[in-house]
Amino acid sequence: MKAVVGISGGIAAYKAVGVVRALVLAGHDVHVVPTAAALRFVGRPTLEAISRNPVESDLYEGVAEVRHVALGQSADLIVIAPATANTLARLAAGLADDLLGTTVLASAAPLVVAPAMHTEMWEHAATQANVRTLEQRGVVLVGPVSGQLTGQDAGVGRMAEPADIVAAALDAAIAANPDLDRAVPPPPPDDSLAGKRVLITAGGTREALDPVRFLGNASTGRQGVSLAEAARDRGAEVVLVAANLEVPAPAGVELVTVVSAEELLAAARREADRADLVVMAAAVADYRPATTAPLKLKKADLGERVSVELVRNPDVLATLAAERPRADQVVVGFAAETEADPERLLALGREKLAAKGADFLVVNRVGFDRGFGEGATRVAVLGRGGDVVAEAEGDKPSVAAAILDAVAPR
């Protein structure tokens, strides 16, 4: 089945990558048509890598092939996710001054739309009138749903989850054309890392105060383990340098266990010499106690107040980036920050990326109730120049897949 996925310019555009990926993995031929605004949220290289097709967005490209209508004429299904309030208005009015608009008007295929906007915009009389118009024409709307929106807002307006959008889209396509088969042959295995050796660090380092106490962090190692599994499944030879994992280590990878930041650096240095890709997902302590007591520290000896002198640990990411054995080795770092403002969060990531010398930096917001363990996480992947080359939100395996999608082409 030939499917067109239109993406409009809302913050939920990063979730459209999941829609594209699900359709591709189901074996369908997927063509992405982003608006100019959508490309400010999701990069063209990401969409081309996920869809496995060139991405066009300019109405005046390919004029000789009449591309502005050819894509719509040949489509079996059109999905627009997210559909902003502006996009709903344009669809209702039948505007066609961009490639997405001409594609929709030139197509007789089912149209499935996943709205995403702030609650007030969704509930506005103009938007509701546009929705009624589209529904009267047979357009299938999926969502929006209630949930967290941009910033501190919450309510109706969140885009439906990619799996729900894809399920509704396939239902619509088959209802319109029963000859289409939902159960397409499985896609070929993803071998994008075949023949490559990948070093991944995971977990949280521990810096001993005495034989029974340590300074540590909240990392469980789940994200690093998910990355190791994803790289293994793409054909890579994986070595996992694991610091105090709280989840089982994956099968089929070489495991090196460490405890402290210095041990992690030593192991990573050894393994990096043979690695094509280095992913530093471990949470490494910036400081360690200046001295480690040989025996358990006793309250009777310490008194009511205790001061601990800390010394700085080596910077593992910066060291590996500076010491890379060859120019084509790709180094990926992680930055866990508590900054709530999205723009400031990215600014902190760009500062760290420049300081560390890595090729990519995965930035995510963490806190007491987010970022660690089994819960969902949200990341932005920065390229060497500081641009956001990918964004992902969801469970750790899906985020790991999105990260590798962004870095594997390198």
Protein backbone atom coordinates (compact mmCIF):
# COMPACT_ATOMS: atom_id res chain seq x y z
CA MET A 1 0.00 0.00 0.00
CA LYS A 2 1.22 3.49 -0.82
CA ALA A 3 0.67 5.82 2.11
CA VAL A 4 1.28 9.56 2.32
CA VAL A 5 1.97 11.02 5.75
CA GLY A 6 1.49 14.78 5.92
CA ILE A 7 3.07 16.62 8.85
CA SER A 8 2.09 20.13 9.86
CA GLY A 9 3.97 22.57 12.04
CA GLY A 10 3.07 21.80 15.64
CA ILE A 11 5.17 20.61 18.54
CA ALA A 12 3.58 17.15 18.17
CA ALA A 13 5.39 16.81 14.82
CA TYR A 14 8.05 14.71 16.54
CA LYS A 15 5.39 12.04 17.21
CA ALA A 16 4.71 11.78 13.48
CA VAL A 17 8.02 9.95 13.19
CA GLY A 18 6.35 7.09 15.10
CA VAL A 19 3.48 7.03 12.61
CA VAL A 20 5.88 6.87 9.67
CA ARG A 21 8.00 4.21 11.32
CA ALA A 22 5.00 1.99 12.17
CA LEU A 23 3.71 2.10 8.60
CA VAL A 24 7.16 1.35 7.19
CA LEU A 25 7.71 -1.56 9.58
CA ALA A 26 4.33 -2.93 8.50
CA GLY A 27 5.75 -3.11 4.98
CA HIS A 28 4.00 -0.13 3.36
CA ASP A 29 5.51 2.36 0.91
CA VAL A 30 5.48 5.62 2.87
CA HIS A 31 6.02 9.11 1.46
CA VAL A 32 6.26 12.06 3.84
CA VAL A 33 4.98 15.52 2.87
CA PRO A 34 5.89 18.04 5.59
CA THR A 35 4.86 21.66 5.56
CA ALA A 36 7.60 24.26 5.77
CA ALA A 37 6.67 24.83 9.42
CA ALA A 38 6.89 21.09 10.17
CA LEU A 39 10.53 21.06 9.07
CA ARG A 40 11.26 23.53 11.87
CA PHE A 41 10.33 20.76 14.32
CA VAL A 42 11.58 17.59 12.58
CA GLY A 43 14.53 17.53 10.20
CA ARG A 44 14.30 16.29 6.61
CA PRO A 45 17.16 13.75 7.12
CA THR A 46 15.23 12.10 9.95
CA LEU A 47 12.07 11.79 7.85
CA GLU A 48 13.98 10.40 4.88
CA ALA A 49 15.84 7.89 7.04
CA ILE A 50 12.63 6.65 8.67
CA SER A 51 10.45 6.62 5.54
CA ARG A 52 13.19 5.28 3.26
CA ASN A 53 11.95 7.66 0.57
CA PRO A 54 12.98 11.17 -0.50
CA VAL A 55 11.03 13.93 1.22
CA GLU A 56 9.65 16.77 -0.88
CA SER A 57 7.93 19.81 0.52
CA ASP A 58 8.25 22.42 -2.23
CA LEU A 59 5.23 22.86 -4.50
CA TYR A 60 7.53 23.82 -7.36
CA GLU A 61 9.87 20.83 -7.23
CA GLY A 62 9.44 18.19 -9.93
CA VAL A 63 7.10 20.35 -12.03
CA ALA A 64 7.91 18.35 -15.18
CA GLU A 65 6.60 15.17 -13.49
CA VAL A 66 3.52 17.06 -12.24
CA ARG A 67 4.59 16.00 -8.75
CA HIS A 68 2.16 18.36 -7.06
CA VAL A 69 -0.71 16.04 -8.00
CA ALA A 70 1.03 12.75 -8.83
CA LEU A 71 1.61 11.78 -5.22
CA GLY A 72 -2.05 12.25 -4.28
CA GLN A 73 -3.28 10.44 -7.40
CA SER A 74 -1.22 7.34 -6.60
CA ALA A 75 -1.89 7.20 -2.85
CA ASP A 76 -4.00 4.50 -1.22
CA LEU A 77 -4.11 6.42 2.06
CA ILE A 78 -3.30 9.92 3.34
CA VAL A 79 -2.61 10.56 7.03
CA ILE A 80 -1.99 14.03 8.45
CA ALA A 81 -0.40 13.95 11.90
CA PRO A 82 -0.31 16.31 13.58
CA ALA A 83 -3.03 18.48 12.08
CA THR A 84 -2.85 21.94 13.63
CA ALA A 85 -5.82 24.30 13.86
CA ASN A 86 -4.40 26.11 10.85
CA THR A 87 -4.19 22.86 8.88
CA LEU A 88 -7.79 21.92 9.73
CA ALA A 89 -8.92 25.34 8.50
CA ARG A 90 -6.95 24.98 5.27
CA LEU A 91 -8.32 21.48 4.64
CA ALA A 92 -11.89 22.65 5.26
CA ALA A 93 -11.41 25.57 2.85
CA GLY A 94 -9.73 23.37 0.22
CA LEU A 95 -6.61 25.55 0.04
CA ALA A 96 -3.85 24.21 -2.16
CA ASP A 97 -0.93 26.62 -2.09
CA ASP A 98 1.56 24.07 -0.74
CA LEU A 99 2.45 20.48 -1.63
CA LEU A 100 0.37 18.97 1.17
CA GLY A 101 -2.71 20.88 0.06
CA THR A 102 -2.39 19.85 -3.59
CA THR A 103 -1.72 16.24 -2.60
CA VAL A 104 -4.95 16.09 -0.59
CA LEU A 105 -7.07 17.73 -3.29
CA ALA A 106 -5.65 15.48 -6.02
CA SER A 107 -6.44 12.28 -4.13
CA ALA A 108 -9.50 10.08 -3.85
CA ALA A 109 -7.83 8.06 -1.08
CA PRO A 110 -9.16 7.98 2.50
CA LEU A 111 -7.97 10.94 4.54
CA VAL A 112 -7.18 10.37 8.22
CA VAL A 113 -6.41 13.41 10.36
CA ALA A 114 -4.94 13.54 13.88
CA PRO A 115 -5.55 17.02 15.36
CA ALA A 116 -3.13 18.51 17.92
CA MET A 117 -3.38 21.95 19.48
CA HIS A 118 -4.06 23.75 22.75
CA THR A 119 -7.45 23.17 24.34
CA GLU A 120 -8.74 26.68 23.66
CA MET A 121 -7.88 26.37 19.97
CA TRP A 122 -9.59 22.98 19.70
CA GLU A 123 -12.74 24.23 21.43
CA HIS A 124 -12.96 27.45 19.42
CA ALA A 125 -16.12 27.72 17.31
CA ALA A 126 -14.10 28.15 14.12
CA THR A 127 -12.15 24.94 14.68
CA GLN A 128 -15.28 22.99 15.59
CA ALA A 129 -17.02 24.24 12.42
CA ASN A 130 -14.02 23.09 10.36
CA VAL A 131 -14.10 19.68 12.05
CA ARG A 132 -17.80 19.26 11.22
CA THR A 133 -17.12 20.18 7.60
CA LEU A 134 -14.34 17.61 7.31
CA GLU A 135 -16.39 14.89 8.96
CA GLN A 136 -19.28 15.58 6.56
CA ARG A 137 -16.85 14.95 3.71
CA GLY A 138 -15.86 11.58 5.14
CA VAL A 139 -12.56 12.59 6.71
CA VAL A 140 -11.63 10.31 9.63
CA LEU A 141 -10.51 12.17 12.74
CA VAL A 142 -8.41 10.40 15.37
CA GLY A 143 -8.31 12.35 18.62
CA PRO A 144 -7.37 14.68 20.02
CA VAL A 145 -7.07 13.20 23.51
CA SER A 146 -6.67 14.69 26.96
CA GLY A 147 -3.19 14.96 28.43
CA GLN A 148 -0.13 17.10 28.92
CA LEU A 149 0.29 19.80 26.29
CA THR A 150 3.16 22.19 25.61
CA GLY A 151 4.53 23.90 28.70
CA GLN A 152 2.39 23.61 31.81
CA ASP A 153 -0.92 23.27 29.95
CA ALA A 154 -3.04 20.12 30.08
CA GLY A 155 -6.42 19.22 28.60
CA VAL A 156 -8.02 18.10 25.35
CA GLY A 157 -5.76 18.75 22.38
CA ARG A 158 -2.95 16.23 22.71
CA MET A 159 -2.32 14.23 19.55
CA ALA A 160 -3.42 10.59 19.70
CA GLU A 161 -0.68 8.01 20.06
CA PRO A 162 0.98 6.84 16.81
CA ALA A 163 -0.27 3.25 17.25
CA ASP A 164 -3.88 4.44 17.49
CA ILE A 165 -3.49 6.69 14.45
CA VAL A 166 -1.97 3.89 12.36
CA ALA A 167 -4.69 1.41 13.40
CA ALA A 168 -7.45 3.86 12.40
CA ALA A 169 -5.66 4.68 9.15
CA LEU A 170 -5.35 1.03 8.13
CA ASP A 171 -9.02 0.45 8.99
CA ALA A 172 -9.98 3.39 6.77
CA ALA A 173 -7.79 2.23 3.89
CA ILE A 174 -9.16 -1.33 3.93
CA ALA A 175 -12.76 -0.13 4.27
CA ALA A 176 -12.28 1.98 1.14
CA ASN A 177 -10.46 -0.76 -0.76
CA PRO A 178 -11.02 -4.30 0.56
CA ASP A 179 -8.39 -5.63 -1.85
CA LEU A 180 -5.71 -3.97 0.25
CA ASP A 181 -4.13 -6.35 2.73
CA ARG A 182 -3.36 -5.21 6.25
CA ALA A 183 -1.21 -8.31 6.76
CA VAL A 184 1.59 -7.37 4.38
CA PRO A 185 4.80 -9.43 4.29
CA PRO A 186 7.17 -8.57 7.13
CA PRO A 187 9.79 -6.01 6.22
CA PRO A 188 13.38 -7.07 5.80
CA PRO A 189 15.41 -6.99 9.02
CA ASP A 190 17.05 -3.70 9.94
CA ASP A 191 20.74 -4.33 9.37
CA SER A 192 21.81 -0.69 9.48
CA LEU A 193 24.61 -1.51 11.96
CA ALA A 194 25.67 -4.86 10.47
CA GLY A 195 29.41 -5.33 10.63
CA LYS A 196 29.85 -2.45 13.08
CA ARG A 197 31.18 -2.65 16.61
CA VAL A 198 29.21 -0.52 19.07
CA LEU A 199 30.29 0.47 22.57
CA ILE A 200 27.49 1.49 24.91
CA THR A 201 27.81 2.53 28.55
CA ALA A 202 24.84 2.17 30.88
CA GLY A 203 23.84 2.53 34.52
CA GLY A 204 25.05 4.84 37.25
CA THR A 205 28.51 4.96 38.77
CA ARG A 206 29.04 4.65 42.52
CA GLU A 207 31.82 6.41 44.43
CA ALA A 208 32.68 4.68 47.71
CA LEU A 209 32.70 6.53 51.02
CA ASP A 210 33.53 3.35 52.93
CA PRO A 211 32.99 -0.39 52.30
CA VAL A 212 29.21 -0.07 52.69
CA ARG A 213 28.30 3.47 51.58
CA PHE A 214 28.63 5.31 48.30
CA LEU A 215 27.64 8.45 46.41
CA GLY A 216 25.45 7.47 43.46
CA ASN A 217 22.61 8.58 41.23
CA ALA A 218 19.12 7.46 40.20
CA SER A 219 20.05 5.83 36.89
CA THR A 220 18.81 2.24 36.50
CA GLY A 221 20.60 1.56 33.21
CA ARG A 222 17.33 0.83 31.40
CA GLN A 223 17.95 3.30 28.56
CA GLY A 224 21.48 2.02 27.95
CA VAL A 225 20.28 -1.59 27.97
CA SER A 226 17.55 -0.69 25.47
CA LEU A 227 20.18 0.90 23.23
CA ALA A 228 22.34 -2.22 23.46
CA GLU A 229 19.37 -4.42 22.51
CA ALA A 230 18.44 -2.16 19.61
CA ALA A 231 22.01 -2.06 18.27
CA ARG A 232 22.27 -5.85 18.59
CA ASP A 233 19.03 -6.30 16.69
CA ARG A 234 20.41 -4.12 13.87
CA GLY A 235 23.31 -6.47 13.37
CA ALA A 236 26.00 -4.76 15.45
CA GLU A 237 28.61 -6.44 17.61
CA VAL A 238 27.83 -4.77 20.94
CA VAL A 239 29.93 -4.36 24.06
CA LEU A 240 28.07 -2.97 27.07
CA VAL A 241 30.09 -1.33 29.83
CA ALA A 242 27.61 -1.55 32.70
CA ALA A 243 27.82 0.38 35.96
CA ASN A 244 25.58 -1.11 38.66
CA LEU A 245 22.62 -2.05 36.47
CA GLU A 246 19.24 -2.36 38.16
CA VAL A 247 17.78 -4.22 35.15
CA PRO A 248 18.93 -7.49 33.54
CA ALA A 249 21.77 -7.23 31.06
CA PRO A 250 20.69 -8.15 27.51
CA ALA A 251 21.60 -11.44 25.88
CA GLY A 252 23.85 -11.48 22.87
CA VAL A 253 26.15 -8.63 23.89
CA GLU A 254 29.59 -8.58 25.48
CA LEU A 255 29.25 -7.38 29.08
CA VAL A 256 31.90 -5.50 31.05
CA THR A 257 30.91 -4.57 34.61
CA VAL A 258 32.33 -1.58 36.46
CA VAL A 259 31.47 0.34 39.62
CA SER A 260 33.10 3.77 39.69
CA ALA A 261 33.69 6.56 37.16
CA GLU A 262 37.41 5.78 36.99
CA GLU A 263 36.68 2.11 36.30
CA LEU A 264 34.17 3.08 33.63
CA LEU A 265 36.70 5.36 31.93
CA ALA A 266 39.37 2.65 31.92
CA ALA A 267 36.99 0.06 30.44
CA ALA A 268 35.55 2.47 27.88
CA ARG A 269 39.02 3.49 26.75
CA ARG A 270 39.96 -0.13 26.13
CA GLU A 271 36.80 -0.91 24.20
CA ALA A 272 36.65 2.36 22.25
CA ASP A 273 39.80 1.47 20.31
CA ARG A 274 37.81 -1.04 18.23
CA ALA A 275 34.42 0.70 18.19
CA ASP A 276 32.74 2.32 15.19
CA LEU A 277 30.06 3.91 17.38
CA VAL A 278 30.37 4.98 21.02
CA VAL A 279 27.18 5.78 22.96
CA MET A 280 27.77 7.17 26.46
CA ALA A 281 24.40 6.56 28.12
CA ALA A 282 25.77 5.92 31.63
CA ALA A 283 25.20 8.51 34.35
CA VAL A 284 28.75 9.23 35.49
CA ALA A 285 29.45 10.92 38.83
CA ASP A 286 31.17 14.27 38.41
CA TYR A 287 32.87 13.98 41.82
CA ARG A 288 34.12 11.28 44.19
CA PRO A 289 35.23 11.36 47.83
CA ALA A 290 38.83 12.47 48.21
CA THR A 291 39.45 9.49 50.47
CA THR A 292 37.67 6.18 51.00
CA ALA A 293 37.61 4.84 54.53
CA PRO A 294 38.92 1.25 54.75
CA LEU A 295 36.39 0.42 57.49
CA LYS A 296 32.79 1.36 58.03
CA LEU A 297 32.44 4.91 59.31
CA LYS A 298 30.82 5.00 62.77
CA LYS A 299 28.43 7.63 64.08
CA ALA A 300 30.16 7.52 67.44
CA ASP A 301 33.41 8.60 65.79
CA LEU A 302 31.93 11.15 63.38
CA GLY A 303 29.69 13.21 65.67
CA GLU A 304 26.57 15.17 64.70
CA ARG A 305 27.88 16.83 61.53
CA VAL A 306 30.08 15.35 58.83
CA SER A 307 31.90 17.06 55.97
CA VAL A 308 33.05 15.07 52.97
CA GLU A 309 35.71 16.46 50.67
CA LEU A 310 35.02 15.70 47.01
CA VAL A 311 37.43 15.74 44.09
CA ARG A 312 36.52 15.89 40.43
CA ASN A 313 36.26 12.73 38.37
CA PRO A 314 37.67 12.55 34.85
CA ASP A 315 35.29 13.62 32.07
CA VAL A 316 34.64 10.32 30.32
CA LEU A 317 32.72 11.68 27.33
CA ALA A 318 35.19 14.48 26.59
CA THR A 319 38.12 12.09 26.99
CA LEU A 320 36.72 9.53 24.55
CA ALA A 321 35.78 12.22 22.03
CA ALA A 322 39.28 13.72 22.19
CA GLU A 323 41.06 10.36 22.06
CA ARG A 324 38.98 8.75 19.32
CA PRO A 325 41.26 6.36 17.39
CA ARG A 326 40.06 7.44 13.94
CA ALA A 327 38.16 10.35 12.45
CA ASP A 328 35.13 8.31 11.35
CA GLN A 329 34.32 7.00 14.83
CA VAL A 330 30.96 8.45 15.94
CA VAL A 331 30.62 9.51 19.58
CA VAL A 332 27.21 10.10 21.17
CA GLY A 333 26.80 11.67 24.60
CA PHE A 334 23.86 12.12 26.96
CA ALA A 335 22.83 15.16 28.97
CA ALA A 336 20.28 14.75 31.76
CA GLU A 337 19.07 18.14 32.95
CA THR A 338 16.37 19.37 35.34
CA GLU A 339 15.67 22.56 33.38
CA ALA A 340 11.91 22.85 32.71
CA ASP A 341 11.99 25.44 29.93
CA PRO A 342 12.38 23.60 26.58
CA GLU A 343 14.47 26.29 24.92
CA ARG A 344 16.80 26.63 27.89
CA LEU A 345 17.06 22.85 28.05
CA LEU A 346 18.26 22.76 24.45
CA ALA A 347 20.63 25.66 25.11
CA LEU A 348 22.23 23.71 27.96
CA GLY A 349 22.56 20.74 25.64
CA ARG A 350 24.25 22.81 22.96
CA GLU A 351 26.71 24.18 25.50
CA LYS A 352 27.57 20.67 26.64
CA LEU A 353 27.86 19.38 23.08
CA ALA A 354 30.35 22.12 22.21
CA ALA A 355 32.36 21.51 25.38
CA LYS A 356 32.53 17.72 25.01
CA GLY A 357 33.39 17.45 21.32
CA ALA A 358 30.86 14.67 20.63
CA ASP A 359 29.10 14.17 17.30
CA PHE A 360 25.63 13.90 18.83
CA LEU A 361 24.14 14.72 22.22
CA VAL A 362 20.91 13.21 23.54
CA VAL A 363 19.21 15.73 25.84
CA ASN A 364 16.45 14.79 28.26
CA ARG A 365 14.77 16.38 31.23
CA VAL A 366 14.95 14.42 34.48
CA GLY A 367 13.64 14.88 38.00
CA PHE A 368 12.33 13.05 41.02
CA ASP A 369 9.38 11.75 39.01
CA ARG A 370 10.66 11.62 35.44
CA GLY A 371 13.41 10.20 33.26
CA PHE A 372 14.45 7.20 35.33
CA GLY A 373 13.32 3.58 35.47
CA GLU A 374 10.38 2.14 33.57
CA GLY A 375 8.55 5.38 32.89
CA ALA A 376 8.32 7.12 29.54
CA THR A 377 11.02 9.57 28.60
CA ARG A 378 11.36 12.35 26.07
CA VAL A 379 14.60 13.24 24.31
CA ALA A 380 16.00 15.57 21.69
CA VAL A 381 19.05 14.54 19.67
CA LEU A 382 21.41 17.37 18.79
CA GLY A 383 23.80 17.11 15.85
CA ARG A 384 27.33 18.48 15.87
CA GLY A 385 26.17 21.93 14.81
CA GLY A 386 23.57 22.07 17.59
CA ASP A 387 20.52 21.45 15.39
CA VAL A 388 17.79 19.11 16.64
CA VAL A 389 18.11 16.13 14.29
CA ALA A 390 15.52 13.95 16.04
CA GLU A 391 13.02 13.98 18.91
CA ALA A 392 11.31 11.04 20.56
CA GLU A 393 8.93 10.35 23.42
CA GLY A 394 7.79 7.02 24.80
CA ASP A 395 9.17 3.95 26.49
CA LYS A 396 12.92 3.30 26.57
CA PRO A 397 13.00 0.78 23.66
CA SER A 398 11.14 3.13 21.30
CA VAL A 399 13.36 6.05 22.28
CA ALA A 400 16.45 3.86 21.78
CA ALA A 401 15.24 3.01 18.27
CA ALA A 402 14.75 6.69 17.46
CA ILE A 403 18.24 7.57 18.72
CA LEU A 404 19.84 4.87 16.55
CA ASP A 405 17.73 5.96 13.58
CA ALA A 406 19.32 9.40 13.92
CA VAL A 407 22.94 8.30 14.37
CA ALA A 408 23.18 5.06 12.34
CA PRO A 409 23.44 6.84 8.95
CA ARG A 410 26.74 8.33 10.16
